[in-house]
Amino acid sequence: MSRTSVRAALRACASPALTAVLTGAVSAVTSPAAAATGSTDAPPAGTSTVRIMPLGDSITGSPGCWRALLWNDLRQAGHTGIDFVGTLGPQGCGVPHDGDNEGHGGLLVTDAAERGLLVDWLAATDPDVVLMHFGTNDVWSGVPTETILDAYGTLVAQMRASNPDMHVVVAQIIPMDSARSCAQCGPRVRELNAAIPAWAAAESTDRSPVVVVDQWTGFDTDEDTYDGVHPDASGDRKIADRWFPAVDALLSGA
């Protein structure tokens, strides 16, 4: 199947169930265990390929091991025609997976939008789907919620300029422990997350849906981070489990 056909199939599968906001707890999906690190970039020969870009900051990269778990969960569920893409390569994580990504440690989404960084990354990787968990550094830096949402809108416009049929899956970001980050980080995350669903509904189109995934509810900064901000192993598992239903539905045409 050609890339054009793959994109047409993704467009056709944009159902009300997919474009609805996804919130609440999600049942855990266990990924296969493996001892070695590595990257498995190429789908089997003859398989149509959907190119998926994980986009964000150090929660997505450095090393962003939820990506390894999600990759294996999707493969285990039968989605063999997937290719994680990005200009950054794999960073370990202890299981074979396709480690390509755009998880840039320390980056603000507002800076990425203002500097047009995503334009070159899209040109280099040509994704069909973007998984975006972005804004933690902006929250820490005191950037207003409306400014962050404006940056999100800029990125979505750049995605659609690259691919008019782009499917965008946006996270309500994981919480931040104010005692170990900034005093107002916790409340600012809640404010941003509360605003994301309305922003997404306004941005979403039938051709290029914007789906929201709740990464905040049930995520415990004491148990699921090692520093109040970045996920530990249990946090990576929770993040992967929250992404999975949205991506699985998209790939399945549900």
Protein backbone atom coordinates (compact mmCIF):
# COMPACT_ATOMS: atom_id res chain seq x y z
CA MET A 1 0.00 0.00 0.00
CA SER A 2 1.35 3.44 -0.89
CA ARG A 3 1.86 6.22 1.69
CA THR A 4 -1.05 8.03 0.04
CA SER A 5 -3.25 4.99 0.62
CA VAL A 6 -2.12 4.72 4.23
CA ARG A 7 -3.00 8.36 4.81
CA ALA A 8 -6.37 7.87 3.12
CA ALA A 9 -7.05 4.91 5.41
CA LEU A 10 -6.15 6.97 8.48
CA ARG A 11 -8.45 9.74 7.30
CA ALA A 12 -11.28 7.25 6.80
CA CYS A 13 -10.85 5.82 10.30
CA ALA A 14 -11.33 9.17 12.06
CA SER A 15 -14.53 8.20 13.87
CA PRO A 16 -16.41 9.97 16.69
CA ALA A 17 -14.95 7.39 19.08
CA LEU A 18 -11.45 8.33 18.02
CA THR A 19 -11.89 12.07 18.06
CA ALA A 20 -13.60 12.09 21.46
CA VAL A 21 -11.54 13.20 24.43
CA LEU A 22 -10.10 10.19 26.22
CA THR A 23 -9.98 10.51 30.02
CA GLY A 24 -9.97 8.32 33.10
CA ALA A 25 -8.11 5.18 34.05
CA VAL A 26 -6.92 2.75 31.41
CA SER A 27 -6.32 -0.95 31.99
CA ALA A 28 -2.66 -1.92 31.97
CA VAL A 29 -1.20 -3.70 28.97
CA THR A 30 1.90 -5.79 29.60
CA SER A 31 4.76 -5.52 27.15
CA PRO A 32 7.03 -8.47 26.35
CA ALA A 33 10.18 -8.66 28.42
CA ALA A 34 13.57 -8.50 26.79
CA ALA A 35 17.11 -8.14 28.05
CA ALA A 36 18.79 -6.39 25.15
CA THR A 37 18.61 -2.84 23.94
CA GLY A 38 18.19 -2.02 20.31
CA SER A 39 16.06 -0.53 17.57
CA THR A 40 13.66 -2.36 15.27
CA ASP A 41 12.90 0.30 12.71
CA ALA A 42 11.57 -1.60 9.71
CA PRO A 43 8.07 -3.14 9.53
CA PRO A 44 7.84 -6.51 7.75
CA ALA A 45 8.21 -6.42 3.97
CA GLY A 46 4.95 -5.74 2.18
CA THR A 47 3.31 -4.18 5.24
CA SER A 48 1.73 -0.74 4.90
CA THR A 49 3.44 1.68 7.26
CA VAL A 50 2.09 4.39 9.56
CA ARG A 51 4.79 6.80 10.67
CA ILE A 52 4.38 8.01 14.26
CA MET A 53 6.38 10.91 15.74
CA PRO A 54 6.70 11.11 19.55
CA LEU A 55 7.14 14.85 20.17
CA GLY A 56 8.06 16.72 23.34
CA ASP A 57 10.80 17.39 25.85
CA SER A 58 12.78 15.17 28.23
CA ILE A 59 9.63 13.31 29.27
CA THR A 60 9.48 12.03 25.69
CA GLY A 61 13.25 11.67 25.31
CA SER A 62 16.18 11.33 27.71
CA PRO A 63 15.40 8.39 27.53
CA GLY A 64 11.57 8.40 27.42
CA CYS A 65 11.19 4.68 28.01
CA TRP A 66 7.40 4.83 27.75
CA ARG A 67 8.05 4.85 24.01
CA ALA A 68 9.72 1.45 24.21
CA LEU A 69 6.78 0.05 26.17
CA LEU A 70 4.22 1.55 23.79
CA TRP A 71 6.06 0.29 20.73
CA ASN A 72 6.04 -3.27 22.05
CA ASP A 73 2.42 -3.03 23.24
CA LEU A 74 1.32 -1.95 19.77
CA ARG A 75 3.32 -4.71 18.10
CA GLN A 76 1.91 -7.26 20.52
CA ALA A 77 -1.58 -6.04 19.61
CA GLY A 78 -0.87 -6.82 15.95
CA HIS A 79 0.18 -3.38 14.69
CA THR A 80 3.29 -4.47 12.82
CA GLY A 81 3.15 -1.72 10.19
CA ILE A 82 4.31 1.12 12.42
CA ASP A 83 7.45 3.20 12.26
CA PHE A 84 8.32 5.57 15.11
CA VAL A 85 10.11 8.53 13.52
CA GLY A 86 12.21 11.48 14.63
CA THR A 87 15.59 13.08 14.14
CA LEU A 88 16.78 11.71 17.51
CA GLY A 89 17.75 8.07 17.87
CA PRO A 90 17.13 5.41 20.54
CA GLN A 91 18.52 5.94 24.04
CA GLY A 92 18.47 2.47 25.58
CA CYS A 93 15.58 1.41 27.87
CA GLY A 94 16.47 -2.27 28.04
CA VAL A 95 14.03 -3.63 25.44
CA PRO A 96 14.28 -3.77 21.65
CA HIS A 97 12.12 -1.05 20.13
CA ASP A 98 12.04 1.59 17.44
CA GLY A 99 13.62 4.46 19.35
CA ASP A 100 13.40 7.33 16.85
CA ASN A 101 11.77 10.39 18.44
CA GLU A 102 11.60 14.18 18.84
CA GLY A 103 11.98 14.35 22.62
CA HIS A 104 14.27 17.35 23.15
CA GLY A 105 15.35 17.76 26.77
CA GLY A 106 14.83 21.24 28.20
CA LEU A 107 12.88 22.53 25.21
CA LEU A 108 9.88 24.83 25.69
CA VAL A 109 6.96 24.29 23.32
CA THR A 110 6.74 28.06 22.95
CA ASP A 111 10.38 28.18 21.81
CA ALA A 112 9.82 25.30 19.36
CA ALA A 113 6.86 27.17 17.88
CA GLU A 114 8.57 30.57 17.74
CA ARG A 115 11.74 29.17 16.17
CA GLY A 116 9.93 26.93 13.68
CA LEU A 117 11.91 23.88 14.78
CA LEU A 118 9.14 21.41 14.00
CA VAL A 119 9.07 22.40 10.33
CA ASP A 120 12.48 20.85 9.68
CA TRP A 121 11.74 17.81 11.83
CA LEU A 122 8.55 17.15 9.88
CA ALA A 123 10.35 17.56 6.56
CA ALA A 124 13.00 15.07 7.66
CA THR A 125 10.61 12.39 8.95
CA ASP A 126 7.20 12.84 7.22
CA PRO A 127 4.93 11.47 9.98
CA ASP A 128 1.27 10.50 9.66
CA VAL A 129 0.63 10.72 13.42
CA VAL A 130 2.12 12.91 16.15
CA LEU A 131 2.02 11.99 19.85
CA MET A 132 2.67 15.25 21.71
CA HIS A 133 3.46 15.59 25.43
CA PHE A 134 4.83 19.12 25.55
CA GLY A 135 4.77 22.10 27.90
CA THR A 136 6.44 20.98 31.12
CA ASN A 137 9.35 23.39 30.71
CA ASP A 138 6.95 26.21 29.84
CA VAL A 139 4.98 25.57 33.03
CA TRP A 140 8.22 25.59 35.03
CA SER A 141 9.20 28.87 33.35
CA GLY A 142 5.89 30.54 34.21
CA VAL A 143 4.64 30.81 30.62
CA PRO A 144 0.90 31.60 30.69
CA THR A 145 -1.51 28.85 29.69
CA GLU A 146 -2.91 30.83 26.76
CA THR A 147 0.60 31.33 25.39
CA ILE A 148 1.25 27.59 25.60
CA LEU A 149 -2.02 26.84 23.81
CA ASP A 150 -1.13 29.36 21.10
CA ALA A 151 2.14 27.46 20.61
CA TYR A 152 0.21 24.19 20.38
CA GLY A 153 -1.90 25.78 17.64
CA THR A 154 1.20 26.89 15.77
CA LEU A 155 2.61 23.36 15.88
CA VAL A 156 -0.66 21.85 14.67
CA ALA A 157 -0.69 24.28 11.75
CA GLN A 158 2.86 23.25 10.89
CA MET A 159 1.88 19.58 11.09
CA ARG A 160 -1.02 20.12 8.70
CA ALA A 161 1.18 22.07 6.31
CA SER A 162 3.39 18.98 6.21
CA ASN A 163 0.47 16.54 5.98
CA PRO A 164 -3.14 17.76 5.67
CA ASP A 165 -4.34 14.40 7.04
CA MET A 166 -2.18 14.54 10.15
CA HIS A 167 -3.61 12.81 13.22
CA VAL A 168 -2.56 14.63 16.39
CA VAL A 169 -2.73 12.97 19.81
CA VAL A 170 -2.10 15.51 22.58
CA ALA A 171 -1.44 14.74 26.24
CA GLN A 172 -2.80 16.48 29.26
CA ILE A 173 0.68 16.44 30.75
CA ILE A 174 1.77 14.48 33.80
CA PRO A 175 1.76 16.36 37.13
CA MET A 176 4.72 18.15 38.68
CA ASP A 177 5.57 18.07 42.38
CA SER A 178 5.75 21.70 43.47
CA ALA A 179 8.13 20.83 46.31
CA ARG A 180 10.67 19.43 43.83
CA SER A 181 10.13 21.73 40.84
CA CYS A 182 8.66 25.23 41.28
CA ALA A 183 6.17 26.38 43.91
CA GLN A 184 3.44 27.09 41.34
CA CYS A 185 4.20 24.20 38.97
CA GLY A 186 1.50 21.94 40.35
CA PRO A 187 -1.32 24.48 39.98
CA ARG A 188 -0.04 25.62 36.59
CA VAL A 189 -0.13 22.04 35.26
CA ARG A 190 -3.71 21.70 36.44
CA GLU A 191 -4.65 24.97 34.76
CA LEU A 192 -3.04 23.93 31.45
CA ASN A 193 -4.62 20.49 31.51
CA ALA A 194 -8.05 21.93 32.24
CA ALA A 195 -7.76 24.13 29.14
CA ILE A 196 -6.47 21.51 26.70
CA PRO A 197 -9.79 19.73 25.88
CA ALA A 198 -11.55 22.92 24.73
CA TRP A 199 -8.47 23.93 22.74
CA ALA A 200 -8.37 20.50 21.07
CA ALA A 201 -12.07 20.57 20.25
CA ALA A 202 -11.63 23.93 18.53
CA GLU A 203 -8.56 22.72 16.59
CA SER A 204 -9.87 19.30 15.56
CA THR A 205 -11.22 18.69 12.06
CA ASP A 206 -12.68 15.63 10.36
CA ARG A 207 -9.66 15.45 8.10
CA SER A 208 -7.07 16.10 10.81
CA PRO A 209 -8.46 15.12 14.21
CA VAL A 210 -6.91 16.24 17.47
CA VAL A 211 -7.38 13.66 20.23
CA VAL A 212 -6.68 14.36 23.90
CA VAL A 213 -5.22 11.70 26.19
CA ASP A 214 -5.34 12.25 29.95
CA GLN A 215 -1.84 11.55 31.25
CA TRP A 216 -2.51 13.46 34.49
CA THR A 217 -5.27 11.56 36.32
CA GLY A 218 -3.90 8.78 38.51
CA PHE A 219 -0.26 9.74 37.99
CA ASP A 220 1.49 10.04 41.37
CA THR A 221 4.63 12.18 41.50
CA ASP A 222 5.81 10.33 44.63
CA GLU A 223 5.47 6.87 43.11
CA ASP A 224 5.76 7.53 39.38
CA THR A 225 8.67 10.02 39.13
CA TYR A 226 12.24 9.96 40.40
CA ASP A 227 12.47 13.74 40.88
CA GLY A 228 8.92 15.08 40.98
CA VAL A 229 8.90 15.73 37.22
CA HIS A 230 10.36 12.88 35.14
CA PRO A 231 8.79 9.41 35.07
CA ASP A 232 10.42 6.40 36.66
CA ALA A 233 9.63 2.82 35.58
CA SER A 234 6.10 2.86 36.98
CA GLY A 235 5.51 6.28 35.45
CA ASP A 236 6.68 5.07 32.03
CA ARG A 237 4.28 2.15 32.32
CA LYS A 238 1.37 4.47 33.13
CA ILE A 239 2.21 6.84 30.27
CA ALA A 240 2.41 3.99 27.74
CA ASP A 241 -0.88 2.56 29.00
CA ARG A 242 -2.62 5.91 28.52
CA TRP A 243 -1.33 6.40 24.97
CA PHE A 244 -2.16 2.86 23.91
CA PRO A 245 -5.98 3.00 23.54
CA ALA A 246 -5.89 6.15 21.41
CA VAL A 247 -3.15 4.87 19.11
CA ASP A 248 -4.65 1.38 18.96
CA ALA A 249 -8.03 2.86 17.99
CA LEU A 250 -6.43 5.02 15.33
CA LEU A 251 -4.50 2.14 13.80
CA SER A 252 -7.49 -0.20 14.02
CA GLY A 253 -9.90 2.26 12.44
CA ALA A 254 -12.18 2.07 15.50
